[in-house]
Amino acid sequence: MKKIIAVIAAFGFASSAFAAPASASASAAASAPKNSQQSKMATCNADAAGKKGDERKAFMKECLSAKPAAPATQQDKMKTCNADATGKKGDERKAFMKECLSAKK
């Protein structure tokens, strides 16, 4: 009888020792930031709402295989900011261009 209780107690202790790290790693994985593929999957999945069957499959394939847009070059930023600054003059234009060109796009 004492052996059975000892075995049960040992098993309970061992299982609780393994359960704590498993739950800790599960919560750490849930709070970890998504990598680019995970965020792409989440975005494509949200965009595919309402699609079913082959239409959804084709959409997801296209969406997931799409390459991310290349970051804007300084020259591209300059063109865009210049177009947006139309009508501004003097200090107002200078301040707008400084803000526009320093913004991350």
C-alpha atoms as a PDB file:
ATOM      1  CA  MET A   1       0.000   0.000   0.000  1.00  0.00           C
ATOM      2  CA  LYS A   2       2.808   2.397   0.904  1.00  0.00           C
ATOM      3  CA  LYS A   3       4.534   1.589  -2.399  1.00  0.00           C
ATOM      4  CA  ILE A   4       1.387   2.464  -4.369  1.00  0.00           C
ATOM      5  CA  ILE A   5       1.055   5.808  -2.565  1.00  0.00           C
ATOM      6  CA  ALA A   6       4.738   6.530  -3.109  1.00  0.00           C
ATOM      7  CA  VAL A   7       4.428   5.724  -6.832  1.00  0.00           C
ATOM      8  CA  ILE A   8       1.326   7.913  -7.179  1.00  0.00           C
ATOM      9  CA  ALA A   9       3.017  10.768  -5.322  1.00  0.00           C
ATOM     10  CA  ALA A  10       6.145  10.441  -7.458  1.00  0.00           C
ATOM     11  CA  PHE A  11       4.079  10.386 -10.633  1.00  0.00           C
ATOM     12  CA  GLY A  12       2.125  13.454  -9.513  1.00  0.00           C
ATOM     13  CA  PHE A  13       5.327  15.308  -8.694  1.00  0.00           C
ATOM     14  CA  ALA A  14       6.948  14.356 -11.984  1.00  0.00           C
ATOM     15  CA  SER A  15       3.929  15.360 -14.048  1.00  0.00           C
ATOM     16  CA  SER A  16       3.656  18.721 -12.297  1.00  0.00           C
ATOM     17  CA  ALA A  17       7.348  19.365 -12.923  1.00  0.00           C
ATOM     18  CA  PHE A  18       6.827  18.785 -16.650  1.00  0.00           C
ATOM     19  CA  ALA A  19       3.530  20.648 -16.839  1.00  0.00           C
ATOM     20  CA  ALA A  20       4.872  23.968 -15.562  1.00  0.00           C
ATOM     21  CA  PRO A  21       7.582  24.417 -18.213  1.00  0.00           C
ATOM     22  CA  ALA A  22       5.215  23.299 -20.954  1.00  0.00           C
ATOM     23  CA  SER A  23       2.612  25.886 -20.001  1.00  0.00           C
ATOM     24  CA  ALA A  24       5.287  28.544 -19.632  1.00  0.00           C
ATOM     25  CA  SER A  25       6.641  27.834 -23.100  1.00  0.00           C
ATOM     26  CA  ALA A  26       3.132  27.810 -24.562  1.00  0.00           C
ATOM     27  CA  SER A  27       2.389  31.236 -23.132  1.00  0.00           C
ATOM     28  CA  ALA A  28       5.784  32.512 -24.280  1.00  0.00           C
ATOM     29  CA  ALA A  29       5.075  31.262 -27.793  1.00  0.00           C
ATOM     30  CA  ALA A  30       1.683  32.938 -27.784  1.00  0.00           C
ATOM     31  CA  SER A  31       3.147  36.288 -26.749  1.00  0.00           C
ATOM     32  CA  ALA A  32       6.180  36.087 -29.051  1.00  0.00           C
ATOM     33  CA  PRO A  33       6.094  38.483 -31.996  1.00  0.00           C
ATOM     34  CA  LYS A  34       5.026  37.000 -35.300  1.00  0.00           C
ATOM     35  CA  ASN A  35       7.604  36.460 -37.985  1.00  0.00           C
ATOM     36  CA  SER A  36       7.015  37.824 -41.458  1.00  0.00           C
ATOM     37  CA  GLN A  37       5.446  34.599 -42.775  1.00  0.00           C
ATOM     38  CA  GLN A  38       3.040  34.438 -39.829  1.00  0.00           C
ATOM     39  CA  SER A  39       1.990  38.050 -40.248  1.00  0.00           C
ATOM     40  CA  LYS A  40       1.609  37.535 -44.010  1.00  0.00           C
ATOM     41  CA  MET A  41      -0.583  34.480 -43.328  1.00  0.00           C
ATOM     42  CA  ALA A  42      -2.736  36.468 -40.898  1.00  0.00           C
ATOM     43  CA  THR A  43      -3.147  39.313 -43.393  1.00  0.00           C
ATOM     44  CA  CYS A  44      -3.974  37.013 -46.316  1.00  0.00           C
ATOM     45  CA  ASN A  45      -6.379  35.024 -44.171  1.00  0.00           C
ATOM     46  CA  ALA A  46      -8.232  38.192 -43.169  1.00  0.00           C
ATOM     47  CA  ASP A  47      -8.367  39.359 -46.808  1.00  0.00           C
ATOM     48  CA  ALA A  48      -9.750  35.969 -47.901  1.00  0.00           C
ATOM     49  CA  ALA A  49     -12.844  36.321 -45.724  1.00  0.00           C
ATOM     50  CA  GLY A  50     -15.923  35.282 -47.651  1.00  0.00           C
ATOM     51  CA  LYS A  51     -14.063  33.206 -50.240  1.00  0.00           C
ATOM     52  CA  LYS A  52     -14.571  29.443 -50.294  1.00  0.00           C
ATOM     53  CA  GLY A  53     -13.170  26.382 -52.001  1.00  0.00           C
ATOM     54  CA  ASP A  54     -10.997  26.776 -55.083  1.00  0.00           C
ATOM     55  CA  GLU A  55     -11.436  30.551 -55.129  1.00  0.00           C
ATOM     56  CA  ARG A  56     -10.006  30.821 -51.588  1.00  0.00           C
ATOM     57  CA  LYS A  57      -7.194  28.375 -52.371  1.00  0.00           C
ATOM     58  CA  ALA A  58      -6.167  30.366 -55.461  1.00  0.00           C
ATOM     59  CA  PHE A  59      -6.371  33.654 -53.569  1.00  0.00           C
ATOM     60  CA  MET A  60      -4.257  32.364 -50.664  1.00  0.00           C
ATOM     61  CA  LYS A  61      -1.633  30.941 -53.053  1.00  0.00           C
ATOM     62  CA  GLU A  62      -1.345  34.276 -54.857  1.00  0.00           C
ATOM     63  CA  CYS A  63      -1.371  36.314 -51.652  1.00  0.00           C
ATOM     64  CA  LEU A  64       1.235  34.218 -49.835  1.00  0.00           C
ATOM     65  CA  SER A  65       3.574  34.064 -52.811  1.00  0.00           C
ATOM     66  CA  ALA A  66       3.459  37.825 -53.404  1.00  0.00           C
ATOM     67  CA  LYS A  67       6.735  39.587 -52.709  1.00  0.00           C
ATOM     68  CA  PRO A  68       6.648  42.486 -50.238  1.00  0.00           C
ATOM     69  CA  ALA A  69       6.948  45.925 -51.745  1.00  0.00           C
ATOM     70  CA  ALA A  70      10.480  47.224 -51.979  1.00  0.00           C
ATOM     71  CA  PRO A  71      11.244  50.002 -49.523  1.00  0.00           C
ATOM     72  CA  ALA A  72      10.995  53.468 -51.009  1.00  0.00           C
ATOM     73  CA  THR A  73      14.274  54.948 -52.112  1.00  0.00           C
ATOM     74  CA  GLN A  74      15.199  58.496 -51.184  1.00  0.00           C
ATOM     75  CA  GLN A  75      14.562  59.549 -54.775  1.00  0.00           C
ATOM     76  CA  ASP A  76      11.064  58.018 -54.690  1.00  0.00           C
ATOM     77  CA  LYS A  77      10.355  59.773 -51.395  1.00  0.00           C
ATOM     78  CA  MET A  78      11.517  63.067 -52.912  1.00  0.00           C
ATOM     79  CA  LYS A  79       9.157  62.693 -55.881  1.00  0.00           C
ATOM     80  CA  THR A  80       6.205  61.826 -53.653  1.00  0.00           C
ATOM     81  CA  CYS A  81       6.894  64.586 -51.145  1.00  0.00           C
ATOM     82  CA  ASN A  82       7.376  67.159 -53.917  1.00  0.00           C
ATOM     83  CA  ALA A  83       4.017  66.221 -55.412  1.00  0.00           C
ATOM     84  CA  ASP A  84       2.342  66.442 -51.993  1.00  0.00           C
ATOM     85  CA  ALA A  85       3.958  69.817 -51.253  1.00  0.00           C
ATOM     86  CA  THR A  86       2.331  71.510 -54.242  1.00  0.00           C
ATOM     87  CA  GLY A  87       0.884  74.848 -53.157  1.00  0.00           C
ATOM     88  CA  LYS A  88       3.072  75.237 -50.077  1.00  0.00           C
ATOM     89  CA  LYS A  89       5.705  77.969 -49.996  1.00  0.00           C
ATOM     90  CA  GLY A  90       8.561  79.156 -47.798  1.00  0.00           C
ATOM     91  CA  ASP A  91       8.889  77.864 -44.255  1.00  0.00           C
ATOM     92  CA  GLU A  92       5.666  75.877 -44.539  1.00  0.00           C
ATOM     93  CA  ARG A  93       7.053  73.913 -47.519  1.00  0.00           C
ATOM     94  CA  LYS A  94      10.444  73.469 -45.845  1.00  0.00           C
ATOM     95  CA  ALA A  95       8.838  72.068 -42.684  1.00  0.00           C
ATOM     96  CA  PHE A  96       6.550  69.801 -44.698  1.00  0.00           C
ATOM     97  CA  MET A  97       9.416  68.429 -46.808  1.00  0.00           C
ATOM     98  CA  LYS A  98      11.554  67.779 -43.737  1.00  0.00           C
ATOM     99  CA  GLU A  99       8.733  65.851 -42.065  1.00  0.00           C
ATOM    100  CA  CYS A 100       7.777  63.997 -45.246  1.00  0.00           C
ATOM    101  CA  LEU A 101      11.330  62.935 -46.148  1.00  0.00           C
ATOM    102  CA  SER A 102      12.177  61.782 -42.630  1.00  0.00           C
ATOM    103  CA  ALA A 103       9.004  59.670 -42.313  1.00  0.00           C
ATOM    104  CA  LYS A 104       9.515  55.908 -42.675  1.00  0.00           C
ATOM    105  CA  LYS A 105       7.521  54.529 -45.582  1.00  0.00           C
END
